[in-house]
Amino acid sequence: MNLEKEIEQIKQRNKKVELDKKWETSFTRRICICILTYIVVVIYSYLIRYFDNIFLSSLVPVIGFTLSTLSVKYIRKIWEKKLNNTKE
């Protein structure tokens, strides 16, 4: 009984790992990160356009990447639902 439970847990973990791998290599994820990073860069550049400071300019990729990866979590949920619907 315990062995069957462990096997089932391993199968569930493997499904999660496979889904994570699909997401990490998906075209959807890459495009979303690019678009969201671009939007953040444009907004941030507009806000600091009158400042000539290397430290402020250096924040652009950091802020863009951070915000895009936080936002991608919601896009992933939609992507997973769509992926699950196509399997059924």
N, C-alpha and C. Protein backbone atom coordinates (compact mmCIF):
# COMPACT_ATOMS: atom_id res chain seq x y z
N MET A 1 0.82 -1.19 0.00
CA MET A 1 0.00 0.00 0.00
C MET A 1 0.87 1.26 0.00
N ASN A 2 1.85 1.30 0.86
CA ASN A 2 2.75 2.45 0.96
C ASN A 2 3.54 2.63 -0.33
N LEU A 3 3.95 1.54 -0.93
CA LEU A 3 4.71 1.58 -2.17
C LEU A 3 3.88 2.18 -3.31
N GLU A 4 2.62 1.81 -3.37
CA GLU A 4 1.73 2.36 -4.40
C GLU A 4 1.54 3.87 -4.21
N LYS A 5 1.45 4.29 -2.98
CA LYS A 5 1.30 5.72 -2.70
C LYS A 5 2.55 6.49 -3.13
N GLU A 6 3.72 5.93 -2.84
CA GLU A 6 4.97 6.57 -3.23
C GLU A 6 5.10 6.65 -4.75
N ILE A 7 4.70 5.59 -5.43
CA ILE A 7 4.75 5.59 -6.90
C ILE A 7 3.83 6.66 -7.46
N GLU A 8 2.66 6.80 -6.89
CA GLU A 8 1.72 7.82 -7.34
C GLU A 8 2.27 9.23 -7.11
N GLN A 9 2.92 9.43 -5.97
CA GLN A 9 3.53 10.73 -5.69
C GLN A 9 4.64 11.04 -6.69
N ILE A 10 5.42 10.04 -7.04
CA ILE A 10 6.49 10.21 -8.02
C ILE A 10 5.90 10.56 -9.39
N LYS A 11 4.82 9.90 -9.76
CA LYS A 11 4.17 10.20 -11.04
C LYS A 11 3.65 11.64 -11.07
N GLN A 12 3.06 12.08 -9.97
CA GLN A 12 2.55 13.45 -9.90
C GLN A 12 3.70 14.45 -9.98
N ARG A 13 4.78 14.17 -9.29
CA ARG A 13 5.94 15.06 -9.33
C ARG A 13 6.53 15.12 -10.74
N ASN A 14 6.59 13.97 -11.42
CA ASN A 14 7.10 13.93 -12.78
C ASN A 14 6.25 14.75 -13.73
N LYS A 15 4.93 14.71 -13.55
CA LYS A 15 4.04 15.52 -14.37
C LYS A 15 4.33 17.00 -14.17
N LYS A 16 4.53 17.39 -12.92
CA LYS A 16 4.82 18.79 -12.61
C LYS A 16 6.15 19.21 -13.22
N VAL A 17 7.15 18.35 -13.12
CA VAL A 17 8.47 18.65 -13.69
C VAL A 17 8.38 18.78 -15.21
N GLU A 18 7.63 17.90 -15.84
CA GLU A 18 7.45 17.97 -17.30
C GLU A 18 6.75 19.27 -17.71
N LEU A 19 5.74 19.66 -16.95
CA LEU A 19 5.04 20.90 -17.24
C LEU A 19 5.96 22.10 -17.05
N ASP A 20 6.77 22.09 -15.99
CA ASP A 20 7.74 23.17 -15.76
C ASP A 20 8.72 23.28 -16.92
N LYS A 21 9.18 22.15 -17.39
CA LYS A 21 10.13 22.14 -18.50
C LYS A 21 9.49 22.68 -19.78
N LYS A 22 8.27 22.28 -20.05
CA LYS A 22 7.55 22.79 -21.22
C LYS A 22 7.40 24.30 -21.14
N TRP A 23 7.05 24.79 -19.95
CA TRP A 23 6.86 26.22 -19.77
C TRP A 23 8.17 26.98 -19.98
N GLU A 24 9.25 26.49 -19.38
CA GLU A 24 10.54 27.17 -19.48
C GLU A 24 11.04 27.27 -20.91
N THR A 25 10.69 26.33 -21.74
CA THR A 25 11.15 26.33 -23.14
C THR A 25 10.08 26.83 -24.11
N SER A 26 8.94 27.26 -23.59
CA SER A 26 7.83 27.64 -24.47
C SER A 26 8.08 28.99 -25.14
N PHE A 27 7.58 29.08 -26.35
CA PHE A 27 7.64 30.32 -27.12
C PHE A 27 6.79 31.40 -26.45
N THR A 28 5.69 30.99 -25.87
CA THR A 28 4.78 31.93 -25.18
C THR A 28 5.52 32.66 -24.06
N ARG A 29 6.26 31.93 -23.26
CA ARG A 29 7.00 32.53 -22.15
C ARG A 29 8.03 33.53 -22.66
N ARG A 30 8.77 33.14 -23.67
CA ARG A 30 9.81 34.03 -24.20
C ARG A 30 9.22 35.33 -24.75
N ILE A 31 8.16 35.20 -25.51
CA ILE A 31 7.52 36.38 -26.09
C ILE A 31 6.96 37.29 -25.00
N CYS A 32 6.32 36.71 -24.00
CA CYS A 32 5.75 37.50 -22.90
C CYS A 32 6.83 38.26 -22.14
N ILE A 33 7.93 37.61 -21.86
CA ILE A 33 9.03 38.29 -21.16
C ILE A 33 9.58 39.43 -22.01
N CYS A 34 9.73 39.20 -23.30
CA CYS A 34 10.22 40.26 -24.20
C CYS A 34 9.27 41.45 -24.21
N ILE A 35 8.00 41.18 -24.39
CA ILE A 35 7.01 42.26 -24.49
C ILE A 35 6.92 43.02 -23.17
N LEU A 36 6.81 42.31 -22.06
CA LEU A 36 6.69 42.98 -20.77
C LEU A 36 7.95 43.77 -20.42
N THR A 37 9.11 43.22 -20.74
CA THR A 37 10.36 43.94 -20.48
C THR A 37 10.42 45.20 -21.33
N TYR A 38 10.02 45.09 -22.58
CA TYR A 38 10.01 46.26 -23.47
C TYR A 38 9.09 47.36 -22.92
N ILE A 39 7.91 46.98 -22.50
CA ILE A 39 6.97 47.96 -21.96
C ILE A 39 7.55 48.67 -20.74
N VAL A 40 8.15 47.91 -19.85
CA VAL A 40 8.76 48.50 -18.65
C VAL A 40 9.90 49.43 -19.04
N VAL A 41 10.72 49.02 -20.00
CA VAL A 41 11.85 49.85 -20.43
C VAL A 41 11.35 51.17 -21.02
N VAL A 42 10.32 51.10 -21.84
CA VAL A 42 9.78 52.33 -22.44
C VAL A 42 9.25 53.26 -21.36
N ILE A 43 8.46 52.74 -20.45
CA ILE A 43 7.89 53.58 -19.38
C ILE A 43 9.00 54.16 -18.50
N TYR A 44 9.92 53.31 -18.09
CA TYR A 44 11.00 53.76 -17.21
C TYR A 44 11.88 54.79 -17.93
N SER A 45 12.19 54.54 -19.19
CA SER A 45 13.02 55.48 -19.95
C SER A 45 12.32 56.83 -20.09
N TYR A 46 11.02 56.79 -20.28
CA TYR A 46 10.26 58.03 -20.37
C TYR A 46 10.33 58.82 -19.05
N LEU A 47 10.25 58.09 -17.95
CA LEU A 47 10.26 58.74 -16.63
C LEU A 47 11.62 59.34 -16.28
N ILE A 48 12.71 58.71 -16.73
CA ILE A 48 14.03 59.21 -16.35
C ILE A 48 14.75 59.91 -17.51
N ARG A 49 14.02 60.31 -18.52
CA ARG A 49 14.65 60.87 -19.73
C ARG A 49 15.46 62.14 -19.47
N TYR A 50 15.17 62.85 -18.42
CA TYR A 50 15.91 64.09 -18.14
C TYR A 50 17.09 63.89 -17.19
N PHE A 51 17.30 62.67 -16.75
CA PHE A 51 18.40 62.38 -15.84
C PHE A 51 19.51 61.65 -16.60
N ASP A 52 20.71 62.08 -16.40
CA ASP A 52 21.86 61.42 -17.02
C ASP A 52 22.66 60.74 -15.90
N ASN A 53 22.13 59.62 -15.46
CA ASN A 53 22.72 58.93 -14.32
C ASN A 53 22.86 57.45 -14.66
N ILE A 54 24.06 56.94 -14.63
CA ILE A 54 24.32 55.55 -15.00
C ILE A 54 23.63 54.57 -14.04
N PHE A 55 23.47 54.96 -12.80
CA PHE A 55 22.83 54.08 -11.82
C PHE A 55 21.33 53.93 -12.10
N LEU A 56 20.70 55.03 -12.48
CA LEU A 56 19.28 54.96 -12.84
C LEU A 56 19.10 54.16 -14.13
N SER A 57 19.96 54.38 -15.09
CA SER A 57 19.86 53.65 -16.36
C SER A 57 20.11 52.15 -16.16
N SER A 58 20.96 51.81 -15.24
CA SER A 58 21.29 50.40 -14.98
C SER A 58 20.12 49.65 -14.35
N LEU A 59 19.18 50.36 -13.79
CA LEU A 59 18.02 49.71 -13.18
C LEU A 59 17.03 49.18 -14.22
N VAL A 60 17.12 49.68 -15.44
CA VAL A 60 16.15 49.31 -16.47
C VAL A 60 16.04 47.80 -16.66
N PRO A 61 17.12 47.09 -16.95
CA PRO A 61 16.97 45.64 -17.16
C PRO A 61 16.53 44.89 -15.90
N VAL A 62 16.99 45.36 -14.76
CA VAL A 62 16.64 44.69 -13.50
C VAL A 62 15.14 44.82 -13.24
N ILE A 63 14.62 46.02 -13.34
CA ILE A 63 13.20 46.25 -13.10
C ILE A 63 12.36 45.54 -14.15
N GLY A 64 12.77 45.66 -15.40
CA GLY A 64 12.02 45.01 -16.48
C GLY A 64 11.95 43.50 -16.31
N PHE A 65 13.08 42.89 -16.03
CA PHE A 65 13.09 41.44 -15.86
C PHE A 65 12.27 41.02 -14.65
N THR A 66 12.44 41.72 -13.53
CA THR A 66 11.73 41.37 -12.31
C THR A 66 10.21 41.48 -12.50
N LEU A 67 9.76 42.58 -13.05
CA LEU A 67 8.32 42.75 -13.25
C LEU A 67 7.77 41.77 -14.27
N SER A 68 8.53 41.50 -15.31
CA SER A 68 8.03 40.57 -16.32
C SER A 68 7.94 39.15 -15.77
N THR A 69 8.91 38.73 -14.99
CA THR A 69 8.85 37.38 -14.44
C THR A 69 7.74 37.26 -13.40
N LEU A 70 7.46 38.33 -12.67
CA LEU A 70 6.35 38.29 -11.71
C LEU A 70 5.01 38.22 -12.45
N SER A 71 4.90 38.94 -13.55
CA SER A 71 3.67 38.96 -14.32
C SER A 71 3.44 37.68 -15.10
N VAL A 72 4.51 37.03 -15.47
CA VAL A 72 4.41 35.82 -16.30
C VAL A 72 3.70 34.69 -15.54
N LYS A 73 3.68 34.76 -14.23
CA LYS A 73 3.00 33.75 -13.42
C LYS A 73 1.53 33.63 -13.83
N TYR A 74 0.89 34.75 -14.08
CA TYR A 74 -0.52 34.75 -14.47
C TYR A 74 -0.70 34.25 -15.90
N ILE A 75 0.24 34.61 -16.74
CA ILE A 75 0.18 34.14 -18.12
C ILE A 75 0.39 32.63 -18.16
N ARG A 76 1.24 32.12 -17.28
CA ARG A 76 1.48 30.68 -17.23
C ARG A 76 0.20 29.92 -16.87
N LYS A 77 -0.58 30.46 -15.95
CA LYS A 77 -1.83 29.80 -15.57
C LYS A 77 -2.76 29.67 -16.76
N ILE A 78 -2.84 30.72 -17.55
CA ILE A 78 -3.67 30.68 -18.76
C ILE A 78 -3.10 29.66 -19.74
N TRP A 79 -1.78 29.67 -19.90
CA TRP A 79 -1.10 28.75 -20.81
C TRP A 79 -1.35 27.29 -20.39
N GLU A 80 -1.27 27.02 -19.09
CA GLU A 80 -1.50 25.66 -18.58
C GLU A 80 -2.93 25.22 -18.84
N LYS A 81 -3.90 26.12 -18.63
CA LYS A 81 -5.29 25.77 -18.90
C LYS A 81 -5.48 25.43 -20.37
N LYS A 82 -4.89 26.25 -21.22
CA LYS A 82 -5.01 26.00 -22.66
C LYS A 82 -4.34 24.69 -23.03
N LEU A 83 -3.18 24.41 -22.44
CA LEU A 83 -2.47 23.16 -22.70
C LEU A 83 -3.28 21.97 -22.26
N ASN A 84 -3.92 22.06 -21.09
CA ASN A 84 -4.73 20.97 -20.57
C ASN A 84 -6.00 20.77 -21.42
N ASN A 85 -6.57 21.86 -21.95
CA ASN A 85 -7.75 21.75 -22.79
C ASN A 85 -7.45 21.08 -24.11
N THR A 86 -6.25 21.28 -24.64
CA THR A 86 -5.91 20.66 -25.92
C THR A 86 -5.62 19.18 -25.76
N LYS A 87 -5.25 18.74 -24.56
CA LYS A 87 -4.99 17.32 -24.32
C LYS A 87 -6.26 16.52 -24.21
N GLU A 88 -7.32 17.16 -23.76
CA GLU A 88 -8.58 16.45 -23.51
C GLU A 88 -9.34 16.18 -24.77
